[in-house]
Amino acid sequence: MEILPIAHIRTDFPEKFGIPRQSGLASSLRGKIVFEPAYRDSEALRGLEGFSHLWLIWEFSANGRSGRWQPTVRPPRLGGNRHMGVFATRSPFRPNPLGLSCVELEGVENDTPEGPVIYVRGADLMDGTPLYDIKPYIRYADSRPDALCGYVDSLQDRKLKVVLPEQMAAVLPQPQMKDALVEVLSLDPRPSYHDDPQREYGISFGGCNIRFRVNEDVLEVVSVSGQ
């Protein structure tokens, strides 16, 4: 079966590093879905505005295609040194590089120069990621509050305290991007096995280069500059 993208998403992440590891973890992140010309028909979105969340099916397009796959992977949240079966993880390195994300629907705009577009929040996708399908989230079928989640249930959610000086936040292209950046950084973008308080890291976000250090549970932004 050959499938072709129906759309691409525009986000503030030009690179993989720094993107939240799951959708919805940084709810302030905004994305814009732009359809391919063949699918720019507002009739295809009729009724969508009645839903609050959507499922996106997309491609890990930045992985490259080696033609090989491995039966086990090393999930970053397990420290990068424990192997799990690829089908027991959400690793991007899979036989078919397909991702699945649940995002919040912020709005639909039908009449734009790019045809109908969809605005979403909480996407964990890189800028330009191809989308293969969009489906509405249905609460009675998709929500399983009592579900068991294997080894994930034993992991503790950990958020960092982010120190972002106001003069650095002012460099961001739009004021509302500050909240999204703080959310992203609080999730600790570093590999989980890194723990060097002197090491400086950088992510690209919204056209800016963000440099930071982490000491225990505090992440300090040391510079924000335009690219």
N, C-alpha and C. Protein backbone atom coordinates (compact mmCIF):
# COMPACT_ATOMS: atom_id res chain seq x y z
N MET A 1 0.84 -1.19 0.00
CA MET A 1 0.00 0.00 0.00
C MET A 1 0.88 1.24 0.00
N GLU A 2 0.60 2.15 -0.88
CA GLU A 2 1.31 3.41 -0.93
C GLU A 2 0.40 4.51 -0.42
N ILE A 3 0.89 5.30 0.55
CA ILE A 3 0.11 6.41 1.06
C ILE A 3 0.89 7.70 0.87
N LEU A 4 0.16 8.78 0.65
CA LEU A 4 0.77 10.08 0.41
C LEU A 4 0.28 11.06 1.47
N PRO A 5 1.08 12.05 1.83
CA PRO A 5 0.65 13.03 2.83
C PRO A 5 -0.58 13.80 2.35
N ILE A 6 -1.49 14.05 3.29
CA ILE A 6 -2.63 14.91 2.99
C ILE A 6 -2.35 16.35 3.42
N ALA A 7 -1.36 16.53 4.32
CA ALA A 7 -1.08 17.85 4.86
C ALA A 7 0.31 17.84 5.49
N HIS A 8 0.76 19.02 5.87
CA HIS A 8 1.98 19.19 6.66
C HIS A 8 1.65 20.14 7.81
N ILE A 9 2.36 19.98 8.92
CA ILE A 9 2.12 20.84 10.07
C ILE A 9 3.26 21.84 10.23
N ARG A 10 2.90 23.05 10.60
CA ARG A 10 3.88 24.10 10.87
C ARG A 10 3.98 24.29 12.38
N THR A 11 5.19 24.17 12.91
CA THR A 11 5.41 24.34 14.35
C THR A 11 6.66 25.20 14.56
N ASP A 12 7.00 25.44 15.82
CA ASP A 12 8.16 26.27 16.15
C ASP A 12 9.43 25.45 16.30
N PHE A 13 9.40 24.16 15.93
CA PHE A 13 10.57 23.30 16.09
C PHE A 13 11.17 22.92 14.73
N PRO A 14 12.28 23.57 14.32
CA PRO A 14 12.91 23.19 13.06
C PRO A 14 13.78 21.94 13.19
N GLU A 15 14.05 21.51 14.43
CA GLU A 15 14.90 20.35 14.68
C GLU A 15 14.21 19.43 15.70
N LYS A 16 14.69 18.18 15.78
CA LYS A 16 14.07 17.21 16.67
C LYS A 16 14.35 17.51 18.14
N PHE A 17 15.57 17.96 18.45
CA PHE A 17 15.95 18.13 19.84
C PHE A 17 15.09 19.21 20.51
N GLY A 18 14.53 18.87 21.65
CA GLY A 18 13.69 19.80 22.39
C GLY A 18 12.20 19.55 22.24
N ILE A 19 11.80 18.79 21.23
CA ILE A 19 10.37 18.51 21.05
C ILE A 19 9.89 17.62 22.20
N PRO A 20 8.75 17.94 22.83
CA PRO A 20 8.23 17.07 23.90
C PRO A 20 8.11 15.63 23.43
N ARG A 21 8.35 14.70 24.35
CA ARG A 21 8.37 13.28 23.98
C ARG A 21 6.98 12.70 23.74
N GLN A 22 5.95 13.42 24.16
CA GLN A 22 4.58 12.99 23.90
C GLN A 22 3.73 14.23 23.62
N SER A 23 2.64 14.03 22.92
CA SER A 23 1.73 15.15 22.67
C SER A 23 1.00 15.54 23.95
N GLY A 24 0.60 16.81 24.04
CA GLY A 24 -0.18 17.28 25.16
C GLY A 24 0.61 17.66 26.39
N LEU A 25 1.91 17.34 26.44
CA LEU A 25 2.70 17.67 27.62
C LEU A 25 2.97 19.16 27.71
N ALA A 26 3.04 19.83 26.58
CA ALA A 26 3.22 21.28 26.55
C ALA A 26 2.02 21.85 25.80
N SER A 27 0.96 22.11 26.55
CA SER A 27 -0.32 22.49 25.91
C SER A 27 -0.29 23.87 25.28
N SER A 28 0.71 24.70 25.62
CA SER A 28 0.79 26.04 25.04
C SER A 28 1.38 26.05 23.64
N LEU A 29 1.98 24.93 23.23
CA LEU A 29 2.57 24.86 21.89
C LEU A 29 1.48 24.93 20.83
N ARG A 30 1.69 25.76 19.83
CA ARG A 30 0.70 25.91 18.77
C ARG A 30 1.23 25.34 17.46
N GLY A 31 0.32 24.80 16.66
CA GLY A 31 0.67 24.27 15.36
C GLY A 31 -0.40 24.65 14.34
N LYS A 32 -0.01 24.68 13.09
CA LYS A 32 -0.92 25.02 12.00
C LYS A 32 -0.83 23.92 10.94
N ILE A 33 -1.96 23.31 10.63
CA ILE A 33 -2.01 22.22 9.64
C ILE A 33 -2.44 22.80 8.30
N VAL A 34 -1.57 22.63 7.31
CA VAL A 34 -1.82 23.13 5.96
C VAL A 34 -1.96 21.93 5.02
N PHE A 35 -3.07 21.87 4.32
CA PHE A 35 -3.35 20.71 3.46
C PHE A 35 -2.62 20.81 2.13
N GLU A 36 -2.35 19.65 1.56
CA GLU A 36 -1.85 19.58 0.20
C GLU A 36 -2.95 20.05 -0.76
N PRO A 37 -2.57 20.60 -1.93
CA PRO A 37 -3.58 21.15 -2.84
C PRO A 37 -4.75 20.22 -3.15
N ALA A 38 -4.49 18.93 -3.28
CA ALA A 38 -5.56 17.98 -3.64
C ALA A 38 -6.60 17.83 -2.54
N TYR A 39 -6.26 18.25 -1.31
CA TYR A 39 -7.18 18.06 -0.18
C TYR A 39 -7.66 19.39 0.40
N ARG A 40 -7.49 20.46 -0.33
CA ARG A 40 -7.92 21.77 0.16
C ARG A 40 -9.39 22.01 -0.15
N ASP A 41 -10.23 21.25 0.52
CA ASP A 41 -11.67 21.32 0.34
C ASP A 41 -12.30 21.45 1.71
N SER A 42 -12.93 22.58 1.98
CA SER A 42 -13.52 22.80 3.29
C SER A 42 -14.61 21.79 3.63
N GLU A 43 -15.20 21.17 2.62
CA GLU A 43 -16.23 20.15 2.87
C GLU A 43 -15.66 18.97 3.65
N ALA A 44 -14.36 18.71 3.48
CA ALA A 44 -13.73 17.60 4.19
C ALA A 44 -13.62 17.87 5.69
N LEU A 45 -13.81 19.13 6.11
CA LEU A 45 -13.71 19.49 7.52
C LEU A 45 -15.08 19.77 8.14
N ARG A 46 -16.12 19.54 7.40
CA ARG A 46 -17.46 19.82 7.91
C ARG A 46 -17.72 19.01 9.19
N GLY A 47 -18.10 19.68 10.26
CA GLY A 47 -18.39 19.02 11.53
C GLY A 47 -17.20 18.94 12.47
N LEU A 48 -16.02 19.25 11.98
CA LEU A 48 -14.82 19.10 12.81
C LEU A 48 -14.83 20.07 13.98
N GLU A 49 -15.43 21.24 13.80
CA GLU A 49 -15.42 22.26 14.85
C GLU A 49 -16.15 21.81 16.11
N GLY A 50 -16.91 20.76 16.04
CA GLY A 50 -17.63 20.25 17.21
C GLY A 50 -16.79 19.39 18.13
N PHE A 51 -15.55 19.11 17.74
CA PHE A 51 -14.67 18.27 18.55
C PHE A 51 -13.61 19.13 19.22
N SER A 52 -13.17 18.70 20.38
CA SER A 52 -12.15 19.46 21.11
C SER A 52 -10.74 18.93 20.85
N HIS A 53 -10.62 17.66 20.45
CA HIS A 53 -9.30 17.06 20.25
C HIS A 53 -9.30 16.22 18.98
N LEU A 54 -8.10 16.06 18.43
CA LEU A 54 -7.93 15.30 17.19
C LEU A 54 -6.77 14.31 17.35
N TRP A 55 -6.85 13.22 16.61
CA TRP A 55 -5.72 12.31 16.41
C TRP A 55 -5.03 12.66 15.10
N LEU A 56 -3.73 12.79 15.15
CA LEU A 56 -2.92 12.99 13.95
C LEU A 56 -2.08 11.75 13.70
N ILE A 57 -2.09 11.26 12.48
CA ILE A 57 -1.23 10.15 12.07
C ILE A 57 -0.19 10.72 11.12
N TRP A 58 1.08 10.54 11.46
CA TRP A 58 2.12 11.27 10.76
C TRP A 58 3.37 10.43 10.61
N GLU A 59 4.36 11.00 9.94
CA GLU A 59 5.59 10.26 9.65
C GLU A 59 6.77 10.85 10.42
N PHE A 60 7.60 9.96 10.99
CA PHE A 60 8.88 10.39 11.56
C PHE A 60 9.82 10.69 10.40
N SER A 61 9.59 11.80 9.76
CA SER A 61 10.25 12.08 8.49
C SER A 61 11.73 12.44 8.64
N ALA A 62 12.16 12.79 9.85
CA ALA A 62 13.56 13.17 10.05
C ALA A 62 14.45 11.99 10.39
N ASN A 63 13.89 10.79 10.45
CA ASN A 63 14.68 9.62 10.81
C ASN A 63 15.58 9.13 9.69
N GLY A 64 15.16 9.37 8.45
CA GLY A 64 15.85 8.72 7.34
C GLY A 64 15.33 7.30 7.20
N ARG A 65 15.59 6.71 6.07
CA ARG A 65 15.11 5.35 5.81
C ARG A 65 16.30 4.44 5.50
N SER A 66 16.68 3.64 6.50
CA SER A 66 17.83 2.76 6.32
C SER A 66 17.44 1.42 5.72
N GLY A 67 16.13 1.11 5.73
CA GLY A 67 15.69 -0.19 5.22
C GLY A 67 15.81 -1.30 6.24
N ARG A 68 16.26 -0.97 7.46
CA ARG A 68 16.39 -1.98 8.50
C ARG A 68 15.60 -1.53 9.72
N TRP A 69 15.29 -2.52 10.55
CA TRP A 69 14.64 -2.20 11.82
C TRP A 69 15.20 -3.12 12.88
N GLN A 70 15.09 -2.71 14.14
CA GLN A 70 15.58 -3.50 15.26
C GLN A 70 14.40 -3.92 16.13
N PRO A 71 14.39 -5.16 16.62
CA PRO A 71 13.27 -5.61 17.45
C PRO A 71 13.23 -4.95 18.82
N THR A 72 14.37 -4.41 19.29
CA THR A 72 14.39 -3.72 20.58
C THR A 72 14.96 -2.32 20.42
N VAL A 73 14.54 -1.44 21.32
CA VAL A 73 15.03 -0.06 21.34
C VAL A 73 15.33 0.30 22.79
N ARG A 74 15.96 1.46 22.99
CA ARG A 74 16.30 1.93 24.34
C ARG A 74 15.55 3.22 24.62
N PRO A 75 14.40 3.13 25.29
CA PRO A 75 13.61 4.34 25.55
C PRO A 75 14.39 5.36 26.37
N PRO A 76 14.38 6.64 25.96
CA PRO A 76 15.10 7.67 26.71
C PRO A 76 14.65 7.78 28.16
N ARG A 77 13.37 7.58 28.43
CA ARG A 77 12.87 7.74 29.79
C ARG A 77 13.34 6.64 30.72
N LEU A 78 13.92 5.57 30.16
CA LEU A 78 14.51 4.52 30.99
C LEU A 78 16.02 4.70 31.10
N GLY A 79 16.49 5.89 30.77
CA GLY A 79 17.90 6.18 30.91
C GLY A 79 18.73 5.85 29.70
N GLY A 80 18.12 5.31 28.66
CA GLY A 80 18.85 4.99 27.44
C GLY A 80 19.73 3.77 27.55
N ASN A 81 19.59 2.99 28.62
CA ASN A 81 20.44 1.80 28.77
C ASN A 81 19.65 0.52 29.03
N ARG A 82 18.33 0.57 28.90
CA ARG A 82 17.49 -0.63 29.03
C ARG A 82 16.77 -0.88 27.71
N HIS A 83 16.78 -2.12 27.28
CA HIS A 83 16.13 -2.47 26.02
C HIS A 83 14.68 -2.89 26.25
N MET A 84 13.81 -2.44 25.36
CA MET A 84 12.41 -2.86 25.34
C MET A 84 12.04 -3.20 23.91
N GLY A 85 11.04 -4.06 23.76
CA GLY A 85 10.56 -4.38 22.43
C GLY A 85 10.01 -3.15 21.75
N VAL A 86 10.31 -2.98 20.48
CA VAL A 86 9.90 -1.77 19.78
C VAL A 86 8.39 -1.56 19.84
N PHE A 87 7.62 -2.67 19.85
CA PHE A 87 6.17 -2.52 19.89
C PHE A 87 5.64 -2.27 21.30
N ALA A 88 6.54 -2.24 22.29
CA ALA A 88 6.18 -1.87 23.66
C ALA A 88 6.60 -0.44 23.96
N THR A 89 6.98 0.30 22.92
CA THR A 89 7.43 1.68 23.09
C THR A 89 6.79 2.56 22.03
N ARG A 90 7.04 3.84 22.17
CA ARG A 90 6.64 4.80 21.14
C ARG A 90 7.86 5.37 20.44
N SER A 91 8.89 4.57 20.38
CA SER A 91 10.12 4.99 19.72
C SER A 91 9.85 5.39 18.28
N PRO A 92 10.55 6.42 17.78
CA PRO A 92 10.40 6.79 16.36
C PRO A 92 11.05 5.81 15.40
N PHE A 93 11.88 4.92 15.90
CA PHE A 93 12.59 3.98 15.03
C PHE A 93 11.82 2.67 14.98
N ARG A 94 10.96 2.57 13.96
CA ARG A 94 10.00 1.48 13.85
C ARG A 94 10.03 0.90 12.44
N PRO A 95 9.45 -0.29 12.24
CA PRO A 95 9.41 -0.85 10.89
C PRO A 95 8.76 0.12 9.89
N ASN A 96 7.66 0.72 10.28
CA ASN A 96 7.04 1.79 9.51
C ASN A 96 7.07 3.04 10.38
N PRO A 97 7.72 4.12 9.96
CA PRO A 97 7.95 5.28 10.82
C PRO A 97 6.72 6.16 10.99
N LEU A 98 5.67 5.59 11.59
CA LEU A 98 4.42 6.33 11.77
C LEU A 98 4.26 6.75 13.22
N GLY A 99 3.84 7.99 13.42
CA GLY A 99 3.57 8.51 14.75
C GLY A 99 2.09 8.78 14.93
N LEU A 100 1.66 8.82 16.19
CA LEU A 100 0.26 9.07 16.54
C LEU A 100 0.23 10.09 17.67
N SER A 101 -0.46 11.19 17.46
CA SER A 101 -0.52 12.25 18.47
C SER A 101 -1.94 12.73 18.67
N CYS A 102 -2.28 12.98 19.92
CA CYS A 102 -3.56 13.58 20.26
C CYS A 102 -3.33 15.05 20.55
N VAL A 103 -4.00 15.92 19.82
CA VAL A 103 -3.80 17.36 19.97
C VAL A 103 -5.14 18.04 20.22
N GLU A 104 -5.08 19.23 20.80
CA GLU A 104 -6.29 20.02 21.04
C GLU A 104 -6.61 20.86 19.81
N LEU A 105 -7.85 20.83 19.40
CA LEU A 105 -8.29 21.64 18.27
C LEU A 105 -8.56 23.06 18.75
N GLU A 106 -7.79 24.00 18.23
CA GLU A 106 -7.96 25.40 18.61
C GLU A 106 -8.90 26.13 17.67
N GLY A 107 -8.93 25.74 16.39
CA GLY A 107 -9.84 26.40 15.47
C GLY A 107 -9.62 25.95 14.04
N VAL A 108 -10.59 26.25 13.22
CA VAL A 108 -10.55 25.95 11.79
C VAL A 108 -10.81 27.25 11.03
N GLU A 109 -9.98 27.51 10.03
CA GLU A 109 -10.17 28.69 9.19
C GLU A 109 -10.27 28.21 7.74
N ASN A 110 -11.41 28.43 7.14
CA ASN A 110 -11.65 27.87 5.81
C ASN A 110 -11.09 28.71 4.67
N ASP A 111 -11.13 30.02 4.79
CA ASP A 111 -10.76 30.89 3.66
C ASP A 111 -9.42 31.56 3.92
N THR A 112 -8.36 30.87 3.53
CA THR A 112 -7.01 31.44 3.62
C THR A 112 -6.32 31.24 2.27
N PRO A 113 -5.22 31.92 2.01
CA PRO A 113 -4.49 31.70 0.75
C PRO A 113 -4.00 30.28 0.59
N GLU A 114 -3.94 29.53 1.71
CA GLU A 114 -3.49 28.14 1.67
C GLU A 114 -4.66 27.17 1.74
N GLY A 115 -5.87 27.67 1.52
CA GLY A 115 -7.05 26.83 1.64
C GLY A 115 -7.44 26.70 3.10
N PRO A 116 -8.28 25.73 3.44
CA PRO A 116 -8.66 25.56 4.84
C PRO A 116 -7.47 25.10 5.67
N VAL A 117 -7.32 25.69 6.85
CA VAL A 117 -6.23 25.29 7.74
C VAL A 117 -6.82 24.98 9.11
N ILE A 118 -6.10 24.15 9.87
CA ILE A 118 -6.50 23.74 11.21
C ILE A 118 -5.43 24.22 12.19
N TYR A 119 -5.87 24.85 13.27
CA TYR A 119 -4.95 25.29 14.32
C TYR A 119 -5.08 24.37 15.52
N VAL A 120 -3.96 23.89 16.02
CA VAL A 120 -3.97 22.92 17.12
C VAL A 120 -3.00 23.37 18.21
N ARG A 121 -3.15 22.75 19.37
CA ARG A 121 -2.26 23.00 20.51
C ARG A 121 -1.76 21.68 21.04
N GLY A 122 -0.52 21.71 21.58
CA GLY A 122 0.03 20.52 22.24
C GLY A 122 0.67 19.52 21.32
N ALA A 123 0.98 19.90 20.08
CA ALA A 123 1.57 18.94 19.13
C ALA A 123 3.04 18.69 19.46
N ASP A 124 3.46 17.46 19.30
CA ASP A 124 4.86 17.05 19.52
C ASP A 124 5.53 16.74 18.18
N LEU A 125 5.38 17.63 17.23
CA LEU A 125 5.85 17.38 15.87
C LEU A 125 6.82 18.47 15.42
N MET A 126 7.77 18.08 14.61
CA MET A 126 8.72 19.00 14.02
C MET A 126 8.07 19.77 12.88
N ASP A 127 8.55 20.98 12.65
CA ASP A 127 8.03 21.80 11.57
C ASP A 127 8.16 21.07 10.23
N GLY A 128 7.07 21.04 9.46
CA GLY A 128 7.09 20.40 8.15
C GLY A 128 6.77 18.92 8.15
N THR A 129 6.43 18.36 9.31
CA THR A 129 6.12 16.93 9.39
C THR A 129 4.91 16.60 8.51
N PRO A 130 5.02 15.56 7.67
CA PRO A 130 3.87 15.16 6.84
C PRO A 130 2.81 14.42 7.66
N LEU A 131 1.55 14.75 7.40
CA LEU A 131 0.42 14.09 8.04
C LEU A 131 -0.28 13.19 7.03
N TYR A 132 -0.66 12.00 7.49
CA TYR A 132 -1.32 11.04 6.61
C TYR A 132 -2.81 10.90 6.88
N ASP A 133 -3.24 11.30 8.08
CA ASP A 133 -4.67 11.25 8.37
C ASP A 133 -4.96 12.08 9.61
N ILE A 134 -6.20 12.53 9.70
CA ILE A 134 -6.70 13.29 10.84
C ILE A 134 -8.02 12.66 11.24
N LYS A 135 -8.17 12.33 12.52
CA LYS A 135 -9.41 11.72 13.01
C LYS A 135 -9.84 12.42 14.28
N PRO A 136 -11.14 12.53 14.53
CA PRO A 136 -11.61 13.15 15.77
C PRO A 136 -11.37 12.23 16.97
N TYR A 137 -11.01 12.83 18.08
CA TYR A 137 -10.92 12.10 19.35
C TYR A 137 -12.32 11.92 19.90
N ILE A 138 -12.67 10.67 20.23
CA ILE A 138 -14.01 10.36 20.73
C ILE A 138 -13.87 9.83 22.15
N ARG A 139 -14.42 10.57 23.10
CA ARG A 139 -14.18 10.29 24.52
C ARG A 139 -14.60 8.88 24.93
N TYR A 140 -15.78 8.43 24.54
CA TYR A 140 -16.25 7.15 25.04
C TYR A 140 -15.44 5.98 24.51
N ALA A 141 -14.82 6.16 23.35
CA ALA A 141 -14.04 5.07 22.76
C ALA A 141 -12.55 5.19 23.00
N ASP A 142 -12.05 6.42 23.11
CA ASP A 142 -10.60 6.63 23.15
C ASP A 142 -10.04 6.80 24.55
N SER A 143 -10.89 7.06 25.55
CA SER A 143 -10.40 7.29 26.91
C SER A 143 -10.50 6.01 27.73
N ARG A 144 -9.37 5.61 28.32
CA ARG A 144 -9.32 4.42 29.16
C ARG A 144 -8.58 4.78 30.46
N PRO A 145 -9.26 5.45 31.40
CA PRO A 145 -8.58 5.93 32.61
C PRO A 145 -7.97 4.82 33.46
N ASP A 146 -8.51 3.60 33.39
CA ASP A 146 -8.00 2.51 34.22
C ASP A 146 -6.99 1.62 33.49
N ALA A 147 -6.52 2.06 32.34
CA ALA A 147 -5.60 1.23 31.56
C ALA A 147 -4.27 1.04 32.28
N LEU A 148 -3.69 -0.15 32.14
CA LEU A 148 -2.35 -0.42 32.63
C LEU A 148 -1.34 0.01 31.58
N CYS A 149 -0.23 0.60 32.02
CA CYS A 149 0.74 1.16 31.09
C CYS A 149 2.14 0.58 31.29
N GLY A 150 2.20 -0.69 31.71
CA GLY A 150 3.48 -1.40 31.78
C GLY A 150 4.53 -0.65 32.58
N TYR A 151 5.76 -0.64 32.06
CA TYR A 151 6.86 0.01 32.78
C TYR A 151 6.66 1.52 32.90
N VAL A 152 5.82 2.10 32.06
CA VAL A 152 5.59 3.55 32.13
C VAL A 152 4.92 3.93 33.45
N ASP A 153 4.10 3.01 34.02
CA ASP A 153 3.43 3.32 35.28
C ASP A 153 4.40 3.54 36.42
N SER A 154 5.59 2.98 36.33
CA SER A 154 6.56 3.11 37.41
C SER A 154 7.44 4.35 37.28
N LEU A 155 7.31 5.07 36.18
CA LEU A 155 8.12 6.27 35.97
C LEU A 155 7.47 7.47 36.63
N GLN A 156 8.27 8.30 37.22
CA GLN A 156 7.77 9.49 37.87
C GLN A 156 7.83 10.69 36.92
N ASP A 157 6.74 11.44 36.89
CA ASP A 157 6.75 12.68 36.12
C ASP A 157 7.63 13.69 36.85
N ARG A 158 8.56 14.27 36.13
CA ARG A 158 9.50 15.21 36.74
C ARG A 158 9.54 16.47 35.89
N LYS A 159 9.27 17.59 36.53
CA LYS A 159 9.36 18.86 35.82
C LYS A 159 10.40 19.74 36.49
N LEU A 160 11.14 20.46 35.68
CA LEU A 160 12.17 21.35 36.17
C LEU A 160 11.60 22.75 36.42
N LYS A 161 12.21 23.45 37.35
CA LYS A 161 11.92 24.86 37.52
C LYS A 161 12.74 25.62 36.49
N VAL A 162 12.07 26.44 35.69
CA VAL A 162 12.74 27.16 34.59
C VAL A 162 12.97 28.61 34.99
N VAL A 163 14.20 29.05 34.87
CA VAL A 163 14.55 30.44 35.11
C VAL A 163 14.83 31.09 33.76
N LEU A 164 13.90 31.94 33.33
CA LEU A 164 14.01 32.63 32.05
C LEU A 164 13.93 34.13 32.29
N PRO A 165 15.07 34.84 32.30
CA PRO A 165 15.05 36.28 32.54
C PRO A 165 14.18 37.01 31.52
N GLU A 166 13.51 38.06 31.99
CA GLU A 166 12.58 38.79 31.14
C GLU A 166 13.26 39.38 29.91
N GLN A 167 14.50 39.85 30.06
CA GLN A 167 15.17 40.45 28.90
C GLN A 167 15.47 39.42 27.83
N MET A 168 15.60 38.15 28.23
CA MET A 168 15.80 37.09 27.24
C MET A 168 14.47 36.69 26.62
N ALA A 169 13.42 36.62 27.43
CA ALA A 169 12.10 36.28 26.89
C ALA A 169 11.65 37.32 25.87
N ALA A 170 12.10 38.57 26.05
CA ALA A 170 11.70 39.64 25.14
C ALA A 170 12.27 39.46 23.73
N VAL A 171 13.27 38.59 23.58
CA VAL A 171 13.86 38.34 22.26
C VAL A 171 12.95 37.46 21.41
N LEU A 172 12.08 36.69 22.04
CA LEU A 172 11.18 35.80 21.29
C LEU A 172 10.31 36.62 20.35
N PRO A 173 10.00 36.09 19.15
CA PRO A 173 9.24 36.87 18.16
C PRO A 173 7.86 37.30 18.63
N GLN A 174 7.20 36.48 19.48
CA GLN A 174 5.87 36.81 19.96
C GLN A 174 5.80 36.59 21.46
N PRO A 175 5.16 37.49 22.22
CA PRO A 175 5.11 37.37 23.67
C PRO A 175 4.51 36.05 24.16
N GLN A 176 3.49 35.53 23.44
CA GLN A 176 2.83 34.31 23.89
C GLN A 176 3.72 33.08 23.77
N MET A 177 4.85 33.20 23.07
CA MET A 177 5.75 32.07 22.93
C MET A 177 6.50 31.77 24.23
N LYS A 178 6.52 32.73 25.14
CA LYS A 178 7.24 32.52 26.40
C LYS A 178 6.67 31.34 27.17
N ASP A 179 5.34 31.28 27.32
CA ASP A 179 4.72 30.19 28.08
C ASP A 179 5.02 28.84 27.45
N ALA A 180 4.97 28.77 26.12
CA ALA A 180 5.25 27.51 25.44
C ALA A 180 6.70 27.10 25.65
N LEU A 181 7.62 28.06 25.57
CA LEU A 181 9.03 27.73 25.77
C LEU A 181 9.28 27.23 27.18
N VAL A 182 8.70 27.89 28.16
CA VAL A 182 8.87 27.45 29.56
C VAL A 182 8.33 26.04 29.75
N GLU A 183 7.18 25.74 29.15
CA GLU A 183 6.63 24.39 29.25
C GLU A 183 7.58 23.36 28.65
N VAL A 184 8.10 23.66 27.47
CA VAL A 184 9.02 22.74 26.79
C VAL A 184 10.26 22.49 27.63
N LEU A 185 10.86 23.55 28.16
CA LEU A 185 12.08 23.41 28.94
C LEU A 185 11.83 22.69 30.26
N SER A 186 10.65 22.89 30.86
CA SER A 186 10.35 22.23 32.13
C SER A 186 10.30 20.71 31.99
N LEU A 187 10.09 20.21 30.78
CA LEU A 187 10.04 18.77 30.54
C LEU A 187 11.42 18.14 30.44
N ASP A 188 12.48 18.97 30.51
CA ASP A 188 13.87 18.54 30.46
C ASP A 188 14.20 17.89 29.11
N PRO A 189 14.58 18.69 28.11
CA PRO A 189 14.86 18.15 26.77
C PRO A 189 16.10 17.27 26.71
N ARG A 190 16.94 17.29 27.72
CA ARG A 190 18.20 16.54 27.68
C ARG A 190 17.94 15.03 27.65
N PRO A 191 18.88 14.25 27.11
CA PRO A 191 18.84 12.81 27.31
C PRO A 191 18.85 12.50 28.80
N SER A 192 18.07 11.53 29.22
CA SER A 192 17.88 11.30 30.66
C SER A 192 19.16 10.86 31.37
N TYR A 193 20.15 10.40 30.62
CA TYR A 193 21.39 9.96 31.25
C TYR A 193 22.42 11.09 31.37
N HIS A 194 22.07 12.29 30.95
CA HIS A 194 22.97 13.44 31.09
C HIS A 194 22.72 14.12 32.43
N ASP A 195 23.80 14.41 33.16
CA ASP A 195 23.67 15.07 34.45
C ASP A 195 24.93 15.87 34.77
N ASP A 196 25.26 16.79 33.88
CA ASP A 196 26.44 17.64 34.06
C ASP A 196 25.97 19.08 34.20
N PRO A 197 26.02 19.66 35.41
CA PRO A 197 25.50 21.02 35.62
C PRO A 197 26.28 22.10 34.86
N GLN A 198 27.49 21.77 34.39
CA GLN A 198 28.28 22.75 33.67
C GLN A 198 28.05 22.69 32.16
N ARG A 199 27.42 21.64 31.70
CA ARG A 199 27.22 21.47 30.26
C ARG A 199 26.11 22.40 29.76
N GLU A 200 26.36 23.01 28.63
CA GLU A 200 25.38 23.92 28.04
C GLU A 200 24.72 23.24 26.85
N TYR A 201 23.39 23.34 26.80
CA TYR A 201 22.60 22.73 25.73
C TYR A 201 21.92 23.82 24.93
N GLY A 202 21.46 23.47 23.76
CA GLY A 202 20.76 24.43 22.94
C GLY A 202 19.64 23.79 22.14
N ILE A 203 18.53 24.49 22.05
CA ILE A 203 17.43 24.05 21.17
C ILE A 203 17.05 25.21 20.26
N SER A 204 16.52 24.88 19.11
CA SER A 204 15.97 25.87 18.18
C SER A 204 14.47 25.93 18.39
N PHE A 205 13.97 27.12 18.64
CA PHE A 205 12.54 27.27 18.93
C PHE A 205 12.06 28.62 18.42
N GLY A 206 11.07 28.60 17.54
CA GLY A 206 10.45 29.82 17.05
C GLY A 206 11.42 30.80 16.41
N GLY A 207 12.41 30.27 15.71
CA GLY A 207 13.38 31.13 15.05
C GLY A 207 14.47 31.65 15.95
N CYS A 208 14.56 31.12 17.17
CA CYS A 208 15.58 31.55 18.12
C CYS A 208 16.42 30.36 18.57
N ASN A 209 17.64 30.65 18.98
CA ASN A 209 18.51 29.65 19.57
C ASN A 209 18.49 29.84 21.08
N ILE A 210 18.03 28.82 21.80
CA ILE A 210 17.88 28.88 23.25
C ILE A 210 19.01 28.05 23.88
N ARG A 211 19.84 28.68 24.70
CA ARG A 211 20.94 28.00 25.39
C ARG A 211 20.59 27.91 26.87
N PHE A 212 20.87 26.74 27.48
CA PHE A 212 20.50 26.56 28.88
C PHE A 212 21.42 25.55 29.58
N ARG A 213 21.40 25.59 30.90
CA ARG A 213 22.08 24.63 31.75
C ARG A 213 21.08 24.10 32.77
N VAL A 214 21.38 22.90 33.30
CA VAL A 214 20.51 22.29 34.30
C VAL A 214 21.34 21.88 35.51
N ASN A 215 20.93 22.35 36.68
CA ASN A 215 21.57 21.97 37.93
C ASN A 215 20.50 21.42 38.86
N GLU A 216 20.54 20.10 39.08
CA GLU A 216 19.53 19.39 39.85
C GLU A 216 18.15 19.63 39.21
N ASP A 217 17.24 20.31 39.91
CA ASP A 217 15.88 20.48 39.38
C ASP A 217 15.63 21.89 38.84
N VAL A 218 16.70 22.62 38.55
CA VAL A 218 16.56 23.98 38.05
C VAL A 218 17.21 24.11 36.68
N LEU A 219 16.45 24.57 35.71
CA LEU A 219 16.98 24.83 34.37
C LEU A 219 17.09 26.35 34.22
N GLU A 220 18.30 26.81 33.92
CA GLU A 220 18.54 28.25 33.74
C GLU A 220 18.84 28.55 32.29
N VAL A 221 18.06 29.42 31.69
CA VAL A 221 18.33 29.86 30.33
C VAL A 221 19.46 30.88 30.39
N VAL A 222 20.52 30.64 29.60
CA VAL A 222 21.69 31.53 29.65
C VAL A 222 21.72 32.50 28.48
N SER A 223 21.01 32.18 27.40
CA SER A 223 20.95 33.13 26.30
C SER A 223 19.79 32.77 25.36
N VAL A 224 19.26 33.81 24.73
CA VAL A 224 18.24 33.65 23.67
C VAL A 224 18.66 34.57 22.55
N SER A 225 18.87 34.00 21.37
CA SER A 225 19.33 34.83 20.25
C SER A 225 18.62 34.43 18.97
N GLY A 226 18.48 35.37 18.06
CA GLY A 226 17.87 35.08 16.77
C GLY A 226 18.81 34.24 15.92
N GLN A 227 18.24 33.45 15.02
CA GLN A 227 19.05 32.57 14.17
C GLN A 227 19.34 33.23 12.84
